[in-house]
Amino acid sequence: MKKTSAQKTSFELRIQEALFNAQDLKYMAFQSEMIPTIPVDSIIGVRTPDLKLIARNFSADPKINKFLNRLPHEYYDENQLHSFILSDIRDFDECVEQLEKFLPFVDNWATCDQLRPKVLGKKENRKKLLELIKLWIRGRLASGEPVEDDTYIVRFGVEMLMNWYLDNDFAPMFLRWVAAIRRDSYYVKMMVAWYFATALVKQYDATIPYILERKLEPWTYSKTIRKACESLRITPEQKAYLKTLKV
């Protein structure tokens, strides 16, 4: 259930006022078309640079936890702001604690993909992060909290694996983890396709067997090839070969 403005603290109302002061109605209309899974009246229409500025203005305030802990938020833009604030937390354990509180309330692809906590990707944290990813891609939280809809927890887990484990920390087993995901959600399947298309860019030799042996479900298989062929980082020879594998 969404909170009403009357339930918010004065600090939260200051944040809401800052968001409405930065409202762009044209951008609101654009976002409503890009994110069809959320109600139009939950979108204020604040552009990313303005959200980042508002995040900087409020994140250091001692009362910020009042905003972070009062979930769910009333507006999509509050979720976006939450993502920016959370992404700048510098302590790994604190970030994970806040992240796991927030993930069950993420209800759209844009907020999910906005979550890019820098501290998670630090070299010294990769081992701990990998243990969390193994849970997230199965729709589970480390806290053990039950989640009614795990769509964006799974999507977030795959995105973290794509962002941090396709270069020096890559291992072939990660491809197996993602290929094993089976969800009806368009937003999970699209992330799986995005992961494999990126894996074809960065780890082509390890990834191409998953295409040749049809280890992905048909829809994801086709999207993977399409996204890979659209990439500027795939060689012309690789693109030509991948196009022969289309169905």
C-alpha atoms as a PDB file:
ATOM      1  CA  MET A   1       0.000   0.000   0.000  1.00  0.00           C
ATOM      2  CA  LYS A   2       1.346   3.423  -0.895  1.00  0.00           C
ATOM      3  CA  LYS A   3       1.771   6.074   1.760  1.00  0.00           C
ATOM      4  CA  THR A   4      -0.126   9.311   1.438  1.00  0.00           C
ATOM      5  CA  SER A   5       1.551  12.674   1.882  1.00  0.00           C
ATOM      6  CA  ALA A   6      -0.149  12.994   5.294  1.00  0.00           C
ATOM      7  CA  GLN A   7       1.823   9.997   6.567  1.00  0.00           C
ATOM      8  CA  LYS A   8       5.165  11.518   5.670  1.00  0.00           C
ATOM      9  CA  THR A   9       7.487  13.298   8.047  1.00  0.00           C
ATOM     10  CA  SER A  10       8.398  16.925   7.483  1.00  0.00           C
ATOM     11  CA  PHE A  11      11.769  15.771   6.148  1.00  0.00           C
ATOM     12  CA  GLU A  12      10.096  13.497   3.588  1.00  0.00           C
ATOM     13  CA  LEU A  13       7.770  16.308   2.591  1.00  0.00           C
ATOM     14  CA  ARG A  14      10.814  18.526   1.947  1.00  0.00           C
ATOM     15  CA  ILE A  15      12.153  15.844  -0.406  1.00  0.00           C
ATOM     16  CA  GLN A  16       8.802  15.587  -2.141  1.00  0.00           C
ATOM     17  CA  GLU A  17       8.639  19.368  -2.523  1.00  0.00           C
ATOM     18  CA  ALA A  18      12.138  19.379  -4.070  1.00  0.00           C
ATOM     19  CA  LEU A  19      11.029  16.725  -6.569  1.00  0.00           C
ATOM     20  CA  PHE A  20       7.919  18.643  -7.594  1.00  0.00           C
ATOM     21  CA  ASN A  21       9.920  21.842  -7.926  1.00  0.00           C
ATOM     22  CA  ALA A  22      12.059  20.016 -10.495  1.00  0.00           C
ATOM     23  CA  GLN A  23       9.081  18.549 -12.354  1.00  0.00           C
ATOM     24  CA  ASP A  24       9.208  18.445 -16.154  1.00  0.00           C
ATOM     25  CA  LEU A  25       5.795  17.574 -17.598  1.00  0.00           C
ATOM     26  CA  LYS A  26       7.170  16.587 -21.003  1.00  0.00           C
ATOM     27  CA  TYR A  27       9.612  14.245 -19.342  1.00  0.00           C
ATOM     28  CA  MET A  28       6.783  12.845 -17.220  1.00  0.00           C
ATOM     29  CA  ALA A  29       4.850  11.975 -20.389  1.00  0.00           C
ATOM     30  CA  PHE A  30       7.943  10.388 -21.907  1.00  0.00           C
ATOM     31  CA  GLN A  31       8.568   8.250 -18.831  1.00  0.00           C
ATOM     32  CA  SER A  32       4.972   7.077 -18.674  1.00  0.00           C
ATOM     33  CA  GLU A  33       5.437   5.587 -22.153  1.00  0.00           C
ATOM     34  CA  MET A  34       8.809   4.038 -21.314  1.00  0.00           C
ATOM     35  CA  ILE A  35       7.643   2.415 -18.069  1.00  0.00           C
ATOM     36  CA  PRO A  36       4.160   1.009 -18.709  1.00  0.00           C
ATOM     37  CA  THR A  37       4.140  -1.186 -15.596  1.00  0.00           C
ATOM     38  CA  ILE A  38       3.617   1.681 -13.143  1.00  0.00           C
ATOM     39  CA  PRO A  39       0.648   4.071 -12.781  1.00  0.00           C
ATOM     40  CA  VAL A  40       0.990   7.357 -14.642  1.00  0.00           C
ATOM     41  CA  ASP A  41      -0.062   9.323 -11.563  1.00  0.00           C
ATOM     42  CA  SER A  42       2.954   7.960  -9.654  1.00  0.00           C
ATOM     43  CA  ILE A  43       5.389   9.719 -12.003  1.00  0.00           C
ATOM     44  CA  ILE A  44       6.426  13.284 -11.143  1.00  0.00           C
ATOM     45  CA  GLY A  45       8.789  13.689 -14.097  1.00  0.00           C
ATOM     46  CA  VAL A  46      12.195  14.648 -12.704  1.00  0.00           C
ATOM     47  CA  ARG A  47      15.174  14.395 -15.031  1.00  0.00           C
ATOM     48  CA  THR A  48      18.255  12.447 -13.967  1.00  0.00           C
ATOM     49  CA  PRO A  49      20.614  15.436 -13.457  1.00  0.00           C
ATOM     50  CA  ASP A  50      18.050  17.034 -11.155  1.00  0.00           C
ATOM     51  CA  LEU A  51      17.561  13.771  -9.255  1.00  0.00           C
ATOM     52  CA  LYS A  52      21.323  13.525  -8.728  1.00  0.00           C
ATOM     53  CA  LEU A  53      21.429  17.080  -7.409  1.00  0.00           C
ATOM     54  CA  ILE A  54      18.538  16.428  -5.023  1.00  0.00           C
ATOM     55  CA  ALA A  55      20.252  13.228  -3.868  1.00  0.00           C
ATOM     56  CA  ARG A  56      23.435  15.153  -3.090  1.00  0.00           C
ATOM     57  CA  ASN A  57      21.490  17.799  -1.215  1.00  0.00           C
ATOM     58  CA  PHE A  58      19.702  15.335   1.054  1.00  0.00           C
ATOM     59  CA  SER A  59      21.914  12.245   1.354  1.00  0.00           C
ATOM     60  CA  ALA A  60      24.204  13.692   4.046  1.00  0.00           C
ATOM     61  CA  ASP A  61      21.290  14.771   6.246  1.00  0.00           C
ATOM     62  CA  PRO A  62      21.077  12.705   9.471  1.00  0.00           C
ATOM     63  CA  LYS A  63      17.361  12.221   8.806  1.00  0.00           C
ATOM     64  CA  ILE A  64      17.906  10.472   5.462  1.00  0.00           C
ATOM     65  CA  ASN A  65      17.145   7.065   6.974  1.00  0.00           C
ATOM     66  CA  LYS A  66      13.592   8.256   7.587  1.00  0.00           C
ATOM     67  CA  PHE A  67      13.224   8.458   3.830  1.00  0.00           C
ATOM     68  CA  LEU A  68      15.122   5.247   3.067  1.00  0.00           C
ATOM     69  CA  ASN A  69      13.268   3.141   5.636  1.00  0.00           C
ATOM     70  CA  ARG A  70       9.713   4.290   4.897  1.00  0.00           C
ATOM     71  CA  LEU A  71       8.747   1.903   2.119  1.00  0.00           C
ATOM     72  CA  PRO A  72       7.044   1.692  -0.282  1.00  0.00           C
ATOM     73  CA  HIS A  73       7.466   5.179  -1.652  1.00  0.00           C
ATOM     74  CA  GLU A  74       4.534   7.097  -3.050  1.00  0.00           C
ATOM     75  CA  TYR A  75       6.195   8.197  -6.297  1.00  0.00           C
ATOM     76  CA  TYR A  76       8.374   6.569  -8.933  1.00  0.00           C
ATOM     77  CA  ASP A  77      10.747   9.532  -8.690  1.00  0.00           C
ATOM     78  CA  GLU A  78      11.208   8.811  -4.981  1.00  0.00           C
ATOM     79  CA  ASN A  79      12.304   5.311  -5.947  1.00  0.00           C
ATOM     80  CA  GLN A  80      14.769   6.783  -8.414  1.00  0.00           C
ATOM     81  CA  LEU A  81      16.081   9.158  -5.768  1.00  0.00           C
ATOM     82  CA  HIS A  82      16.375   6.241  -3.351  1.00  0.00           C
ATOM     83  CA  SER A  83      18.485   4.396  -5.943  1.00  0.00           C
ATOM     84  CA  PHE A  84      20.879   7.328  -6.352  1.00  0.00           C
ATOM     85  CA  ILE A  85      21.313   7.736  -2.596  1.00  0.00           C
ATOM     86  CA  LEU A  86      21.813   4.021  -2.041  1.00  0.00           C
ATOM     87  CA  SER A  87      24.281   3.744  -4.922  1.00  0.00           C
ATOM     88  CA  ASP A  88      26.607   6.217  -3.205  1.00  0.00           C
ATOM     89  CA  ILE A  89      26.793   4.434   0.166  1.00  0.00           C
ATOM     90  CA  ARG A  90      30.464   3.677   0.743  1.00  0.00           C
ATOM     91  CA  ASP A  91      30.271   0.883   3.326  1.00  0.00           C
ATOM     92  CA  PHE A  92      29.592  -2.565   1.840  1.00  0.00           C
ATOM     93  CA  ASP A  93      27.560  -3.994   4.734  1.00  0.00           C
ATOM     94  CA  GLU A  94      25.486  -0.848   5.127  1.00  0.00           C
ATOM     95  CA  CYS A  95      24.828  -0.767   1.395  1.00  0.00           C
ATOM     96  CA  VAL A  96      23.699  -4.401   1.312  1.00  0.00           C
ATOM     97  CA  GLU A  97      21.439  -3.868   4.324  1.00  0.00           C
ATOM     98  CA  GLN A  98      19.740  -0.897   2.660  1.00  0.00           C
ATOM     99  CA  LEU A  99      19.659  -2.654  -0.711  1.00  0.00           C
ATOM    100  CA  GLU A 100      17.865  -5.704   0.640  1.00  0.00           C
ATOM    101  CA  LYS A 101      15.275  -3.486   2.308  1.00  0.00           C
ATOM    102  CA  PHE A 102      14.645  -1.708  -0.978  1.00  0.00           C
ATOM    103  CA  LEU A 103      14.736  -4.525  -3.552  1.00  0.00           C
ATOM    104  CA  PRO A 104      11.328  -6.050  -2.626  1.00  0.00           C
ATOM    105  CA  PHE A 105       9.727  -2.677  -3.403  1.00  0.00           C
ATOM    106  CA  VAL A 106      11.379  -2.116  -6.783  1.00  0.00           C
ATOM    107  CA  ASP A 107       8.524  -2.340  -9.276  1.00  0.00           C
ATOM    108  CA  ASN A 108       9.978  -1.335 -12.638  1.00  0.00           C
ATOM    109  CA  TRP A 109      13.002  -1.903 -14.882  1.00  0.00           C
ATOM    110  CA  ALA A 110      14.251   1.691 -14.729  1.00  0.00           C
ATOM    111  CA  THR A 111      14.615   1.785 -10.953  1.00  0.00           C
ATOM    112  CA  CYS A 112      16.185  -1.673 -10.994  1.00  0.00           C
ATOM    113  CA  ASP A 113      18.746  -0.665 -13.604  1.00  0.00           C
ATOM    114  CA  GLN A 114      19.446   2.614 -11.830  1.00  0.00           C
ATOM    115  CA  LEU A 115      20.731   0.674  -8.817  1.00  0.00           C
ATOM    116  CA  ARG A 116      24.489   0.678  -9.343  1.00  0.00           C
ATOM    117  CA  PRO A 117      26.112   0.715  -5.886  1.00  0.00           C
ATOM    118  CA  LYS A 118      29.773   1.491  -6.488  1.00  0.00           C
ATOM    119  CA  VAL A 119      30.929  -0.212  -3.307  1.00  0.00           C
ATOM    120  CA  LEU A 120      29.616  -3.595  -4.463  1.00  0.00           C
ATOM    121  CA  GLY A 121      31.975  -3.654  -7.412  1.00  0.00           C
ATOM    122  CA  LYS A 122      35.146  -2.910  -5.494  1.00  0.00           C
ATOM    123  CA  LYS A 123      37.769  -5.619  -5.928  1.00  0.00           C
ATOM    124  CA  GLU A 124      37.902  -6.419  -2.232  1.00  0.00           C
ATOM    125  CA  ASN A 125      34.138  -6.986  -2.148  1.00  0.00           C
ATOM    126  CA  ARG A 126      33.750  -9.224  -5.204  1.00  0.00           C
ATOM    127  CA  LYS A 127      33.810 -12.499  -3.250  1.00  0.00           C
ATOM    128  CA  LYS A 128      31.098 -11.327  -0.839  1.00  0.00           C
ATOM    129  CA  LEU A 129      29.038  -9.908  -3.690  1.00  0.00           C
ATOM    130  CA  LEU A 130      29.153 -13.185  -5.591  1.00  0.00           C
ATOM    131  CA  GLU A 131      27.555 -15.007  -2.654  1.00  0.00           C
ATOM    132  CA  LEU A 132      24.711 -12.487  -2.703  1.00  0.00           C
ATOM    133  CA  ILE A 133      24.297 -12.753  -6.463  1.00  0.00           C
ATOM    134  CA  LYS A 134      23.830 -16.514  -6.167  1.00  0.00           C
ATOM    135  CA  LEU A 135      20.812 -15.805  -3.964  1.00  0.00           C
ATOM    136  CA  TRP A 136      19.412 -12.863  -5.932  1.00  0.00           C
ATOM    137  CA  ILE A 137      19.341 -14.698  -9.272  1.00  0.00           C
ATOM    138  CA  ARG A 138      17.184 -17.331  -7.569  1.00  0.00           C
ATOM    139  CA  GLY A 139      14.841 -14.647  -6.271  1.00  0.00           C
ATOM    140  CA  ARG A 140      16.051 -14.851  -2.682  1.00  0.00           C
ATOM    141  CA  LEU A 141      17.314 -12.284  -0.215  1.00  0.00           C
ATOM    142  CA  ALA A 142      20.203 -12.946   2.145  1.00  0.00           C
ATOM    143  CA  SER A 143      17.995 -11.648   4.936  1.00  0.00           C
ATOM    144  CA  GLY A 144      15.573 -14.520   4.332  1.00  0.00           C
ATOM    145  CA  GLU A 145      12.683 -12.086   3.893  1.00  0.00           C
ATOM    146  CA  PRO A 146       9.941 -13.580   1.708  1.00  0.00           C
ATOM    147  CA  VAL A 147       9.308 -11.698  -1.521  1.00  0.00           C
ATOM    148  CA  GLU A 148       5.958 -11.833  -3.266  1.00  0.00           C
ATOM    149  CA  ASP A 149       7.297 -10.833  -6.693  1.00  0.00           C
ATOM    150  CA  ASP A 150      10.986 -11.553  -7.287  1.00  0.00           C
ATOM    151  CA  THR A 151      11.163 -10.163 -10.841  1.00  0.00           C
ATOM    152  CA  TYR A 152      13.467  -7.269 -10.109  1.00  0.00           C
ATOM    153  CA  ILE A 153      15.553  -9.105  -7.521  1.00  0.00           C
ATOM    154  CA  VAL A 154      16.424 -11.661 -10.214  1.00  0.00           C
ATOM    155  CA  ARG A 155      16.989  -8.925 -12.796  1.00  0.00           C
ATOM    156  CA  PHE A 156      19.243  -7.029 -10.403  1.00  0.00           C
ATOM    157  CA  GLY A 157      21.284 -10.147  -9.648  1.00  0.00           C
ATOM    158  CA  VAL A 158      21.885 -10.842 -13.332  1.00  0.00           C
ATOM    159  CA  GLU A 159      22.817  -7.215 -13.914  1.00  0.00           C
ATOM    160  CA  MET A 160      25.399  -7.320 -11.118  1.00  0.00           C
ATOM    161  CA  LEU A 161      26.872 -10.499 -12.618  1.00  0.00           C
ATOM    162  CA  MET A 162      27.015  -8.769 -16.001  1.00  0.00           C
ATOM    163  CA  ASN A 163      28.567  -5.573 -14.642  1.00  0.00           C
ATOM    164  CA  TRP A 164      31.281  -7.077 -12.452  1.00  0.00           C
ATOM    165  CA  TYR A 165      32.026 -10.634 -13.581  1.00  0.00           C
ATOM    166  CA  LEU A 166      32.517 -10.624 -17.336  1.00  0.00           C
ATOM    167  CA  ASP A 167      36.091  -9.358 -17.304  1.00  0.00           C
ATOM    168  CA  ASN A 168      38.977 -10.442 -15.061  1.00  0.00           C
ATOM    169  CA  ASP A 169      36.692 -12.126 -12.513  1.00  0.00           C
ATOM    170  CA  PHE A 170      34.802 -14.131 -15.130  1.00  0.00           C
ATOM    171  CA  ALA A 171      34.248 -17.874 -14.652  1.00  0.00           C
ATOM    172  CA  PRO A 172      32.387 -20.151 -17.132  1.00  0.00           C
ATOM    173  CA  MET A 173      30.031 -21.329 -14.386  1.00  0.00           C
ATOM    174  CA  PHE A 174      28.415 -17.880 -14.343  1.00  0.00           C
ATOM    175  CA  LEU A 175      27.037 -18.571 -17.820  1.00  0.00           C
ATOM    176  CA  ARG A 176      25.420 -21.742 -16.468  1.00  0.00           C
ATOM    177  CA  TRP A 177      23.850 -19.823 -13.609  1.00  0.00           C
ATOM    178  CA  VAL A 178      22.168 -17.334 -15.909  1.00  0.00           C
ATOM    179  CA  ALA A 179      21.170 -19.895 -18.546  1.00  0.00           C
ATOM    180  CA  ALA A 180      19.364 -21.858 -15.833  1.00  0.00           C
ATOM    181  CA  ILE A 181      17.047 -18.952 -14.997  1.00  0.00           C
ATOM    182  CA  ARG A 182      13.479 -19.619 -16.069  1.00  0.00           C
ATOM    183  CA  ARG A 183      10.973 -16.837 -15.537  1.00  0.00           C
ATOM    184  CA  ASP A 184       7.916 -15.749 -17.501  1.00  0.00           C
ATOM    185  CA  SER A 185       8.639 -12.082 -16.855  1.00  0.00           C
ATOM    186  CA  TYR A 186       9.654 -10.091 -19.933  1.00  0.00           C
ATOM    187  CA  TYR A 187      11.966  -7.996 -17.751  1.00  0.00           C
ATOM    188  CA  VAL A 188      13.890 -11.019 -16.495  1.00  0.00           C
ATOM    189  CA  LYS A 189      14.124 -12.653 -19.910  1.00  0.00           C
ATOM    190  CA  MET A 190      15.336  -9.428 -21.481  1.00  0.00           C
ATOM    191  CA  MET A 191      18.052  -9.091 -18.831  1.00  0.00           C
ATOM    192  CA  VAL A 192      19.174 -12.666 -19.486  1.00  0.00           C
ATOM    193  CA  ALA A 193      19.407 -11.827 -23.196  1.00  0.00           C
ATOM    194  CA  TRP A 194      21.333  -8.644 -22.382  1.00  0.00           C
ATOM    195  CA  TYR A 195      23.715 -10.644 -20.206  1.00  0.00           C
ATOM    196  CA  PHE A 196      24.452 -13.199 -22.936  1.00  0.00           C
ATOM    197  CA  ALA A 197      24.794 -10.536 -25.631  1.00  0.00           C
ATOM    198  CA  THR A 198      27.356  -8.766 -23.425  1.00  0.00           C
ATOM    199  CA  ALA A 199      29.052 -12.093 -22.690  1.00  0.00           C
ATOM    200  CA  LEU A 200      29.425 -12.620 -26.443  1.00  0.00           C
ATOM    201  CA  VAL A 201      31.284  -9.312 -26.553  1.00  0.00           C
ATOM    202  CA  LYS A 202      33.571 -10.001 -23.619  1.00  0.00           C
ATOM    203  CA  GLN A 203      33.834 -13.798 -23.434  1.00  0.00           C
ATOM    204  CA  TYR A 204      32.924 -14.938 -26.941  1.00  0.00           C
ATOM    205  CA  ASP A 205      34.618 -18.356 -26.933  1.00  0.00           C
ATOM    206  CA  ALA A 206      33.059 -19.394 -23.631  1.00  0.00           C
ATOM    207  CA  THR A 207      29.622 -18.044 -24.573  1.00  0.00           C
ATOM    208  CA  ILE A 208      29.073 -19.151 -28.173  1.00  0.00           C
ATOM    209  CA  PRO A 209      28.408 -22.814 -27.178  1.00  0.00           C
ATOM    210  CA  TYR A 210      25.310 -21.620 -25.311  1.00  0.00           C
ATOM    211  CA  ILE A 211      24.013 -20.281 -28.605  1.00  0.00           C
ATOM    212  CA  LEU A 212      25.088 -23.227 -30.750  1.00  0.00           C
ATOM    213  CA  GLU A 213      23.661 -25.776 -28.324  1.00  0.00           C
ATOM    214  CA  ARG A 214      20.437 -23.788 -27.805  1.00  0.00           C
ATOM    215  CA  LYS A 215      20.791 -23.701 -24.022  1.00  0.00           C
ATOM    216  CA  LEU A 216      18.581 -20.622 -23.800  1.00  0.00           C
ATOM    217  CA  GLU A 217      14.828 -20.684 -24.160  1.00  0.00           C
ATOM    218  CA  PRO A 218      13.706 -19.728 -27.712  1.00  0.00           C
ATOM    219  CA  TRP A 219      12.619 -16.128 -27.020  1.00  0.00           C
ATOM    220  CA  THR A 220      15.787 -15.339 -25.074  1.00  0.00           C
ATOM    221  CA  TYR A 221      17.909 -17.069 -27.704  1.00  0.00           C
ATOM    222  CA  SER A 222      16.518 -14.829 -30.450  1.00  0.00           C
ATOM    223  CA  LYS A 223      16.823 -11.648 -28.388  1.00  0.00           C
ATOM    224  CA  THR A 224      20.413 -12.492 -27.491  1.00  0.00           C
ATOM    225  CA  ILE A 225      21.425 -12.808 -31.136  1.00  0.00           C
ATOM    226  CA  ARG A 226      19.559  -9.627 -32.042  1.00  0.00           C
ATOM    227  CA  LYS A 227      21.169  -7.590 -29.251  1.00  0.00           C
ATOM    228  CA  ALA A 228      24.618  -8.978 -30.040  1.00  0.00           C
ATOM    229  CA  CYS A 229      24.241  -8.091 -33.716  1.00  0.00           C
ATOM    230  CA  GLU A 230      23.235  -4.547 -32.748  1.00  0.00           C
ATOM    231  CA  SER A 231      26.369  -4.143 -30.637  1.00  0.00           C
ATOM    232  CA  LEU A 232      29.238  -2.042 -31.952  1.00  0.00           C
ATOM    233  CA  ARG A 233      31.647  -4.230 -29.999  1.00  0.00           C
ATOM    234  CA  ILE A 234      30.922  -7.434 -31.931  1.00  0.00           C
ATOM    235  CA  THR A 235      33.176  -7.908 -34.959  1.00  0.00           C
ATOM    236  CA  PRO A 236      31.631  -7.957 -38.459  1.00  0.00           C
ATOM    237  CA  GLU A 237      32.703 -11.610 -38.804  1.00  0.00           C
ATOM    238  CA  GLN A 238      31.029 -12.567 -35.540  1.00  0.00           C
ATOM    239  CA  LYS A 239      27.858 -10.705 -36.523  1.00  0.00           C
ATOM    240  CA  ALA A 240      27.737 -12.469 -39.888  1.00  0.00           C
ATOM    241  CA  TYR A 241      28.060 -15.829 -38.156  1.00  0.00           C
ATOM    242  CA  LEU A 242      25.465 -15.041 -35.509  1.00  0.00           C
ATOM    243  CA  LYS A 243      22.986 -14.005 -38.194  1.00  0.00           C
ATOM    244  CA  THR A 244      23.224 -17.517 -39.681  1.00  0.00           C
ATOM    245  CA  LEU A 245      21.992 -18.850 -36.332  1.00  0.00           C
ATOM    246  CA  LYS A 246      18.769 -16.848 -36.312  1.00  0.00           C
ATOM    247  CA  VAL A 247      15.509 -18.793 -36.251  1.00  0.00           C
END
